[in-house]
Amino acid sequence: MKVTLHPAAEQDIHEAAAFYEREGTPIVAARFVAEFKRLATLLLEHPEIGSPRSNGRRGFSMSVFPYTIIYRASASEIEILVVKHDSKRPGSGARRS
């Protein structure tokens, strides 16, 4: 099993890390990226851990940062579709597939 990122999810992570580097410090940005990687590994180990959403998607909130990972799990991969800030509209990134 492997983790894949939708190209827009990669952009979501880049933008969040850039924000934390700009508004905080490079250390905070690195912590954000490390937390994302830790959760991606956790999702590999426990694909059903996230809350069910529409269209076979699941959501899993970061505990340290106000972001939610929206993903789809299959037998062969965890496909991360969206990494969204929790203050964004609920449907933010819903069209990614």
C-alpha atoms as a PDB file:
ATOM      1  CA  MET A   1       0.000   0.000   0.000  1.00  0.00           C
ATOM      2  CA  LYS A   2       1.213   3.520  -0.765  1.00  0.00           C
ATOM      3  CA  VAL A   3       0.246   7.173  -0.327  1.00  0.00           C
ATOM      4  CA  THR A   4      -0.381   9.313  -3.392  1.00  0.00           C
ATOM      5  CA  LEU A   5      -1.093  13.030  -3.462  1.00  0.00           C
ATOM      6  CA  HIS A   6      -3.440  14.814  -5.809  1.00  0.00           C
ATOM      7  CA  PRO A   7      -1.399  17.635  -7.428  1.00  0.00           C
ATOM      8  CA  ALA A   8      -3.656  20.220  -5.789  1.00  0.00           C
ATOM      9  CA  ALA A   9      -3.116  18.553  -2.374  1.00  0.00           C
ATOM     10  CA  GLU A  10       0.625  18.976  -2.897  1.00  0.00           C
ATOM     11  CA  GLN A  11      -0.089  22.663  -3.529  1.00  0.00           C
ATOM     12  CA  ASP A  12      -2.228  22.809  -0.357  1.00  0.00           C
ATOM     13  CA  ILE A  13       0.700  21.501   1.703  1.00  0.00           C
ATOM     14  CA  HIS A  14       3.160  23.881   0.029  1.00  0.00           C
ATOM     15  CA  GLU A  15       0.897  26.882   0.662  1.00  0.00           C
ATOM     16  CA  ALA A  16       0.324  25.947   4.313  1.00  0.00           C
ATOM     17  CA  ALA A  17       4.043  25.438   4.945  1.00  0.00           C
ATOM     18  CA  ALA A  18       4.820  28.757   3.223  1.00  0.00           C
ATOM     19  CA  PHE A  19       2.253  30.492   5.432  1.00  0.00           C
ATOM     20  CA  TYR A  20       3.756  29.023   8.611  1.00  0.00           C
ATOM     21  CA  GLU A  21       7.257  29.957   7.471  1.00  0.00           C
ATOM     22  CA  ARG A  22       6.187  33.507   6.604  1.00  0.00           C
ATOM     23  CA  GLU A  23       3.958  34.157   9.639  1.00  0.00           C
ATOM     24  CA  GLY A  24       5.825  31.954  12.107  1.00  0.00           C
ATOM     25  CA  THR A  25       9.242  30.425  11.617  1.00  0.00           C
ATOM     26  CA  PRO A  26      10.871  27.803   9.419  1.00  0.00           C
ATOM     27  CA  ILE A  27      10.680  25.483  12.435  1.00  0.00           C
ATOM     28  CA  VAL A  28       6.874  25.796  12.571  1.00  0.00           C
ATOM     29  CA  ALA A  29       6.678  25.136   8.816  1.00  0.00           C
ATOM     30  CA  ALA A  30       8.855  22.027   9.230  1.00  0.00           C
ATOM     31  CA  ARG A  31       6.636  20.840  12.080  1.00  0.00           C
ATOM     32  CA  PHE A  32       3.576  21.193   9.839  1.00  0.00           C
ATOM     33  CA  VAL A  33       5.203  19.073   7.121  1.00  0.00           C
ATOM     34  CA  ALA A  34       6.392  16.506   9.685  1.00  0.00           C
ATOM     35  CA  GLU A  35       2.892  16.259  11.172  1.00  0.00           C
ATOM     36  CA  PHE A  36       1.407  15.754   7.708  1.00  0.00           C
ATOM     37  CA  LYS A  37       3.900  12.948   6.996  1.00  0.00           C
ATOM     38  CA  ARG A  38       3.189  11.328  10.354  1.00  0.00           C
ATOM     39  CA  LEU A  39      -0.547  11.332   9.643  1.00  0.00           C
ATOM     40  CA  ALA A  40      -0.048   9.991   6.116  1.00  0.00           C
ATOM     41  CA  THR A  41       1.809   7.030   7.647  1.00  0.00           C
ATOM     42  CA  LEU A  42      -0.953   6.595  10.215  1.00  0.00           C
ATOM     43  CA  LEU A  43      -3.546   6.522   7.417  1.00  0.00           C
ATOM     44  CA  LEU A  44      -1.542   3.789   5.680  1.00  0.00           C
ATOM     45  CA  GLU A  45      -1.645   1.715   8.847  1.00  0.00           C
ATOM     46  CA  HIS A  46      -5.320   2.461   9.617  1.00  0.00           C
ATOM     47  CA  PRO A  47      -7.104   3.515   6.405  1.00  0.00           C
ATOM     48  CA  GLU A  48     -10.573   3.555   7.984  1.00  0.00           C
ATOM     49  CA  ILE A  49      -9.587   5.894  10.826  1.00  0.00           C
ATOM     50  CA  GLY A  50     -11.008   9.026   9.191  1.00  0.00           C
ATOM     51  CA  SER A  51     -14.629  10.137   9.389  1.00  0.00           C
ATOM     52  CA  PRO A  52     -16.735   9.043   6.407  1.00  0.00           C
ATOM     53  CA  ARG A  53     -17.646  11.732   3.891  1.00  0.00           C
ATOM     54  CA  SER A  54     -19.446  11.746   0.564  1.00  0.00           C
ATOM     55  CA  ASN A  55     -18.263   9.880  -2.538  1.00  0.00           C
ATOM     56  CA  GLY A  56     -16.153   7.343  -0.635  1.00  0.00           C
ATOM     57  CA  ARG A  57     -13.954   9.983   0.909  1.00  0.00           C
ATOM     58  CA  ARG A  58     -12.815  10.229   4.498  1.00  0.00           C
ATOM     59  CA  GLY A  59     -11.538  13.135   6.569  1.00  0.00           C
ATOM     60  CA  PHE A  60      -8.933  13.122   9.306  1.00  0.00           C
ATOM     61  CA  SER A  61      -8.069  16.228  11.335  1.00  0.00           C
ATOM     62  CA  MET A  62      -4.564  17.165  12.322  1.00  0.00           C
ATOM     63  CA  SER A  63      -4.348  17.501  16.093  1.00  0.00           C
ATOM     64  CA  VAL A  64      -1.634  20.166  16.189  1.00  0.00           C
ATOM     65  CA  PHE A  65      -2.649  22.333  13.222  1.00  0.00           C
ATOM     66  CA  PRO A  66      -6.153  23.438  12.139  1.00  0.00           C
ATOM     67  CA  TYR A  67      -6.141  21.344   8.950  1.00  0.00           C
ATOM     68  CA  THR A  68      -8.079  18.313   7.758  1.00  0.00           C
ATOM     69  CA  ILE A  69      -6.798  15.696   5.328  1.00  0.00           C
ATOM     70  CA  ILE A  70      -9.447  14.502   2.877  1.00  0.00           C
ATOM     71  CA  TYR A  71      -8.548  11.147   1.340  1.00  0.00           C
ATOM     72  CA  ARG A  72      -9.858   8.069  -0.413  1.00  0.00           C
ATOM     73  CA  ALA A  73      -8.678   4.618   0.643  1.00  0.00           C
ATOM     74  CA  SER A  74      -8.492   1.613  -1.658  1.00  0.00           C
ATOM     75  CA  ALA A  75      -6.848  -1.787  -1.318  1.00  0.00           C
ATOM     76  CA  SER A  76      -3.652  -0.476  -2.912  1.00  0.00           C
ATOM     77  CA  GLU A  77      -3.370   3.172  -1.879  1.00  0.00           C
ATOM     78  CA  ILE A  78      -4.340   6.128   0.240  1.00  0.00           C
ATOM     79  CA  GLU A  79      -5.068   8.957  -2.191  1.00  0.00           C
ATOM     80  CA  ILE A  80      -4.868  12.319  -0.450  1.00  0.00           C
ATOM     81  CA  LEU A  81      -7.142  14.702  -2.311  1.00  0.00           C
ATOM     82  CA  VAL A  82      -7.273  17.832  -0.143  1.00  0.00           C
ATOM     83  CA  VAL A  83      -5.363  19.293   2.795  1.00  0.00           C
ATOM     84  CA  LYS A  84      -7.645  22.121   3.871  1.00  0.00           C
ATOM     85  CA  HIS A  85      -7.645  24.694   6.601  1.00  0.00           C
ATOM     86  CA  ASP A  86     -10.567  24.090   8.924  1.00  0.00           C
ATOM     87  CA  SER A  87     -11.873  27.644   8.534  1.00  0.00           C
ATOM     88  CA  LYS A  88     -12.436  27.155   4.784  1.00  0.00           C
ATOM     89  CA  ARG A  89     -15.893  26.360   3.490  1.00  0.00           C
ATOM     90  CA  PRO A  90     -16.964  22.747   4.095  1.00  0.00           C
ATOM     91  CA  GLY A  91     -17.024  21.948   0.360  1.00  0.00           C
ATOM     92  CA  SER A  92     -13.548  23.350  -0.287  1.00  0.00           C
ATOM     93  CA  GLY A  93     -11.752  20.950  -2.660  1.00  0.00           C
ATOM     94  CA  ALA A  94     -14.826  18.731  -3.049  1.00  0.00           C
ATOM     95  CA  ARG A  95     -14.441  18.482  -6.815  1.00  0.00           C
ATOM     96  CA  ARG A  96     -11.001  16.913  -6.671  1.00  0.00           C
ATOM     97  CA  SER A  97     -11.008  13.301  -7.717  1.00  0.00           C
END
